Amino acid sequence: MININPANFEHLTELKSMMAALYREDPGTFEFSPNKICNTLSFFTSHPTNGRILTINLNDTIIGYAILVYFWSNEYGGFVMFIDEFFIKPEYRNRGFGTKFFSQLPEFQPPNCVAWCLEHTADNTGASRLYHRLGFAPQTNATLIKLL
């Protein structure tokens, strides 16, 4: 049985370690900086209506984490919960913990949540299989970003 708990500064060392592992394993566009997690945790602690960081625990062991960001979408007509990061330690993968996490995720979505969304890199086939099996589907719109 896994438990999902809001993260706090007590988990900072473990969170930094898992985030660094995520970015080594599945590099994004930008380099990982340990300060980012401090800023993110601090922001969500001060602004819980904007999102949260969750730890995924098996008994007393943290086996993963997720970062959730909430925003209103006119197109979808309600809140969208963006799963900004999702990570399960390699030794716990393919054992149903990801599926279990997503089955418990509705407990953490904002009121009037109408959609969940996430991204993954194209070559992360394990994540792609999980997400498609759980009902996530590609959208016709392309994601573009302009850095400020």
C-alpha atoms as a PDB file:
ATOM      1  CA  MET A   1       0.000   0.000   0.000  1.00  0.00           C
ATOM      2  CA  ILE A   2       1.373   3.399  -0.900  1.00  0.00           C
ATOM      3  CA  ASN A   3       0.597   6.650   0.832  1.00  0.00           C
ATOM      4  CA  ILE A   4       0.681  10.021  -0.856  1.00  0.00           C
ATOM      5  CA  ASN A   5       1.543  12.992   1.323  1.00  0.00           C
ATOM      6  CA  PRO A   6       2.145  16.693   0.739  1.00  0.00           C
ATOM      7  CA  ALA A   7       5.895  17.302   0.743  1.00  0.00           C
ATOM      8  CA  ASN A   8       7.593  19.612   3.189  1.00  0.00           C
ATOM      9  CA  PHE A   9      11.092  20.816   3.946  1.00  0.00           C
ATOM     10  CA  GLU A  10      11.785  17.622   5.935  1.00  0.00           C
ATOM     11  CA  HIS A  11      11.884  15.787   2.603  1.00  0.00           C
ATOM     12  CA  LEU A  12      14.206  18.280   0.924  1.00  0.00           C
ATOM     13  CA  THR A  13      17.277  16.033   0.685  1.00  0.00           C
ATOM     14  CA  GLU A  14      15.287  13.112  -0.712  1.00  0.00           C
ATOM     15  CA  LEU A  15      13.351  15.348  -3.124  1.00  0.00           C
ATOM     16  CA  LYS A  16      16.539  16.928  -4.474  1.00  0.00           C
ATOM     17  CA  SER A  17      18.025  13.476  -4.962  1.00  0.00           C
ATOM     18  CA  MET A  18      14.985  12.174  -6.865  1.00  0.00           C
ATOM     19  CA  MET A  19      14.708  15.316  -8.984  1.00  0.00           C
ATOM     20  CA  ALA A  20      18.361  15.107  -9.940  1.00  0.00           C
ATOM     21  CA  ALA A  21      17.781  11.445 -10.862  1.00  0.00           C
ATOM     22  CA  LEU A  22      14.781  12.403 -13.023  1.00  0.00           C
ATOM     23  CA  TYR A  23      16.784  15.007 -14.937  1.00  0.00           C
ATOM     24  CA  ARG A  24      19.749  12.640 -15.398  1.00  0.00           C
ATOM     25  CA  GLU A  25      17.502   9.859 -16.633  1.00  0.00           C
ATOM     26  CA  ASP A  26      15.112  11.921 -18.736  1.00  0.00           C
ATOM     27  CA  PRO A  27      16.706  15.305 -19.402  1.00  0.00           C
ATOM     28  CA  GLY A  28      14.370  18.154 -20.096  1.00  0.00           C
ATOM     29  CA  THR A  29      15.138  21.305 -21.987  1.00  0.00           C
ATOM     30  CA  PHE A  30      16.705  23.001 -18.974  1.00  0.00           C
ATOM     31  CA  GLU A  31      19.329  21.943 -16.498  1.00  0.00           C
ATOM     32  CA  PHE A  32      18.227  20.868 -13.065  1.00  0.00           C
ATOM     33  CA  SER A  33      19.235  23.175 -10.236  1.00  0.00           C
ATOM     34  CA  PRO A  34      18.873  22.085  -6.585  1.00  0.00           C
ATOM     35  CA  ASN A  35      17.685  25.609  -5.762  1.00  0.00           C
ATOM     36  CA  LYS A  36      14.637  25.093  -7.974  1.00  0.00           C
ATOM     37  CA  ILE A  37      13.136  22.592  -5.534  1.00  0.00           C
ATOM     38  CA  CYS A  38      13.580  25.008  -2.618  1.00  0.00           C
ATOM     39  CA  ASN A  39      11.853  27.743  -4.611  1.00  0.00           C
ATOM     40  CA  THR A  40       9.075  25.410  -5.746  1.00  0.00           C
ATOM     41  CA  LEU A  41       8.447  24.001  -2.267  1.00  0.00           C
ATOM     42  CA  SER A  42       8.486  27.490  -0.778  1.00  0.00           C
ATOM     43  CA  PHE A  43       6.067  28.796  -3.426  1.00  0.00           C
ATOM     44  CA  PHE A  44       3.523  25.996  -2.985  1.00  0.00           C
ATOM     45  CA  THR A  45       3.775  26.257   0.804  1.00  0.00           C
ATOM     46  CA  SER A  46       2.823  29.942   0.490  1.00  0.00           C
ATOM     47  CA  HIS A  47       0.326  29.454  -2.365  1.00  0.00           C
ATOM     48  CA  PRO A  48      -1.384  26.058  -1.912  1.00  0.00           C
ATOM     49  CA  THR A  49      -4.189  26.953  -4.330  1.00  0.00           C
ATOM     50  CA  ASN A  50      -1.629  27.038  -7.162  1.00  0.00           C
ATOM     51  CA  GLY A  51      -0.397  23.482  -6.695  1.00  0.00           C
ATOM     52  CA  ARG A  52       1.638  21.182  -4.502  1.00  0.00           C
ATOM     53  CA  ILE A  53       4.428  18.666  -4.297  1.00  0.00           C
ATOM     54  CA  LEU A  54       3.518  15.157  -3.219  1.00  0.00           C
ATOM     55  CA  THR A  55       5.716  12.340  -1.981  1.00  0.00           C
ATOM     56  CA  ILE A  56       4.843   8.753  -2.784  1.00  0.00           C
ATOM     57  CA  ASN A  57       5.636   6.536   0.173  1.00  0.00           C
ATOM     58  CA  LEU A  58       5.801   2.792   0.663  1.00  0.00           C
ATOM     59  CA  ASN A  59       5.634   2.298   4.407  1.00  0.00           C
ATOM     60  CA  ASP A  60       8.287   4.738   5.694  1.00  0.00           C
ATOM     61  CA  THR A  61      10.270   4.924   2.433  1.00  0.00           C
ATOM     62  CA  ILE A  62       9.809   7.708  -0.122  1.00  0.00           C
ATOM     63  CA  ILE A  63       9.728   5.949  -3.488  1.00  0.00           C
ATOM     64  CA  GLY A  64       8.710   8.863  -5.696  1.00  0.00           C
ATOM     65  CA  TYR A  65       7.252  12.328  -6.004  1.00  0.00           C
ATOM     66  CA  ALA A  66       4.985  14.455  -8.153  1.00  0.00           C
ATOM     67  CA  ILE A  67       4.635  18.181  -8.717  1.00  0.00           C
ATOM     68  CA  LEU A  68       1.093  19.354  -9.462  1.00  0.00           C
ATOM     69  CA  VAL A  69       0.236  22.800 -10.843  1.00  0.00           C
ATOM     70  CA  TYR A  70      -3.353  24.043 -11.025  1.00  0.00           C
ATOM     71  CA  PHE A  71      -4.648  26.553 -13.554  1.00  0.00           C
ATOM     72  CA  TRP A  72      -7.988  27.613 -14.988  1.00  0.00           C
ATOM     73  CA  SER A  73      -8.596  26.885 -18.649  1.00  0.00           C
ATOM     74  CA  ASN A  74     -11.235  28.705 -20.631  1.00  0.00           C
ATOM     75  CA  GLU A  75     -10.938  26.112 -23.395  1.00  0.00           C
ATOM     76  CA  TYR A  76     -11.672  23.211 -21.056  1.00  0.00           C
ATOM     77  CA  GLY A  77     -14.073  25.154 -18.833  1.00  0.00           C
ATOM     78  CA  GLY A  78     -12.497  24.551 -15.457  1.00  0.00           C
ATOM     79  CA  PHE A  79      -9.323  23.819 -13.564  1.00  0.00           C
ATOM     80  CA  VAL A  80      -6.621  21.771 -15.233  1.00  0.00           C
ATOM     81  CA  MET A  81      -4.167  19.891 -13.066  1.00  0.00           C
ATOM     82  CA  PHE A  82      -0.803  19.854 -14.801  1.00  0.00           C
ATOM     83  CA  ILE A  83       1.448  17.050 -13.585  1.00  0.00           C
ATOM     84  CA  ASP A  84       4.697  18.950 -13.985  1.00  0.00           C
ATOM     85  CA  GLU A  85       6.936  16.140 -12.759  1.00  0.00           C
ATOM     86  CA  PHE A  86       6.279  12.519 -11.837  1.00  0.00           C
ATOM     87  CA  PHE A  87       9.007  10.161 -10.727  1.00  0.00           C
ATOM     88  CA  ILE A  88       9.164   6.669  -9.257  1.00  0.00           C
ATOM     89  CA  LYS A  89      12.575   5.318  -8.234  1.00  0.00           C
ATOM     90  CA  PRO A  90      13.780   2.714 -10.763  1.00  0.00           C
ATOM     91  CA  GLU A  91      13.754  -0.166  -8.274  1.00  0.00           C
ATOM     92  CA  TYR A  92      10.012   0.417  -7.650  1.00  0.00           C
ATOM     93  CA  ARG A  93       8.895   0.697 -11.277  1.00  0.00           C
ATOM     94  CA  ASN A  94       6.703  -1.833 -13.074  1.00  0.00           C
ATOM     95  CA  ARG A  95       5.188  -2.892  -9.757  1.00  0.00           C
ATOM     96  CA  GLY A  96       1.902  -0.961 -10.010  1.00  0.00           C
ATOM     97  CA  PHE A  97       2.944   2.061  -7.922  1.00  0.00           C
ATOM     98  CA  GLY A  98       2.442   4.525 -10.794  1.00  0.00           C
ATOM     99  CA  THR A  99      -1.038   3.178 -11.461  1.00  0.00           C
ATOM    100  CA  LYS A 100      -1.842   3.293  -7.744  1.00  0.00           C
ATOM    101  CA  PHE A 101      -0.601   6.891  -7.565  1.00  0.00           C
ATOM    102  CA  PHE A 102      -2.917   7.968 -10.390  1.00  0.00           C
ATOM    103  CA  SER A 103      -5.864   6.161  -8.773  1.00  0.00           C
ATOM    104  CA  GLN A 104      -5.325   8.267  -5.616  1.00  0.00           C
ATOM    105  CA  LEU A 105      -4.651  11.505  -7.499  1.00  0.00           C
ATOM    106  CA  PRO A 106      -8.285  12.765  -7.468  1.00  0.00           C
ATOM    107  CA  GLU A 107      -7.849  13.420  -3.721  1.00  0.00           C
ATOM    108  CA  PHE A 108      -5.356  16.165  -4.617  1.00  0.00           C
ATOM    109  CA  GLN A 109      -7.043  17.851  -7.569  1.00  0.00           C
ATOM    110  CA  PRO A 110      -8.639  21.289  -7.157  1.00  0.00           C
ATOM    111  CA  PRO A 111     -12.414  21.752  -7.059  1.00  0.00           C
ATOM    112  CA  ASN A 112     -13.955  22.011 -10.530  1.00  0.00           C
ATOM    113  CA  CYS A 113     -11.022  20.079 -12.034  1.00  0.00           C
ATOM    114  CA  VAL A 114     -11.953  19.083 -15.568  1.00  0.00           C
ATOM    115  CA  ALA A 115      -8.689  17.664 -16.909  1.00  0.00           C
ATOM    116  CA  TRP A 116      -5.255  16.380 -16.040  1.00  0.00           C
ATOM    117  CA  CYS A 117      -2.351  16.992 -18.371  1.00  0.00           C
ATOM    118  CA  LEU A 118       1.309  16.054 -18.463  1.00  0.00           C
ATOM    119  CA  GLU A 119       4.307  15.893 -20.757  1.00  0.00           C
ATOM    120  CA  HIS A 120       6.944  13.284 -21.350  1.00  0.00           C
ATOM    121  CA  THR A 121       9.918  13.075 -23.624  1.00  0.00           C
ATOM    122  CA  ALA A 122       9.283  11.120 -26.813  1.00  0.00           C
ATOM    123  CA  ASP A 123      11.836   8.422 -26.049  1.00  0.00           C
ATOM    124  CA  ASN A 124      10.484   7.661 -22.556  1.00  0.00           C
ATOM    125  CA  THR A 125       8.512   4.638 -23.730  1.00  0.00           C
ATOM    126  CA  GLY A 126       7.807   3.298 -20.235  1.00  0.00           C
ATOM    127  CA  ALA A 127       6.119   6.533 -19.188  1.00  0.00           C
ATOM    128  CA  SER A 128       4.281   6.717 -22.510  1.00  0.00           C
ATOM    129  CA  ARG A 129       2.838   3.208 -22.057  1.00  0.00           C
ATOM    130  CA  LEU A 130       1.670   4.019 -18.515  1.00  0.00           C
ATOM    131  CA  TYR A 131       0.079   7.329 -19.493  1.00  0.00           C
ATOM    132  CA  HIS A 132      -1.713   5.928 -22.539  1.00  0.00           C
ATOM    133  CA  ARG A 133      -2.984   2.978 -20.504  1.00  0.00           C
ATOM    134  CA  LEU A 134      -4.369   5.449 -17.933  1.00  0.00           C
ATOM    135  CA  GLY A 135      -6.290   7.340 -20.629  1.00  0.00           C
ATOM    136  CA  PHE A 136      -3.978  10.255 -21.446  1.00  0.00           C
ATOM    137  CA  ALA A 137      -4.019  11.100 -25.155  1.00  0.00           C
ATOM    138  CA  PRO A 138      -1.985  13.455 -27.329  1.00  0.00           C
ATOM    139  CA  GLN A 139      -3.618  16.754 -28.247  1.00  0.00           C
ATOM    140  CA  THR A 140      -3.660  18.329 -31.662  1.00  0.00           C
ATOM    141  CA  ASN A 141      -2.164  21.583 -30.371  1.00  0.00           C
ATOM    142  CA  ALA A 142       1.603  21.816 -30.155  1.00  0.00           C
ATOM    143  CA  THR A 143       3.152  23.204 -26.992  1.00  0.00           C
ATOM    144  CA  LEU A 144       5.270  26.281 -27.602  1.00  0.00           C
ATOM    145  CA  ILE A 145       7.165  28.275 -24.995  1.00  0.00           C
ATOM    146  CA  LYS A 146       8.796  31.681 -24.906  1.00  0.00           C
ATOM    147  CA  LEU A 147      11.253  32.209 -22.082  1.00  0.00           C
ATOM    148  CA  LEU A 148      11.224  35.585 -20.396  1.00  0.00           C
END
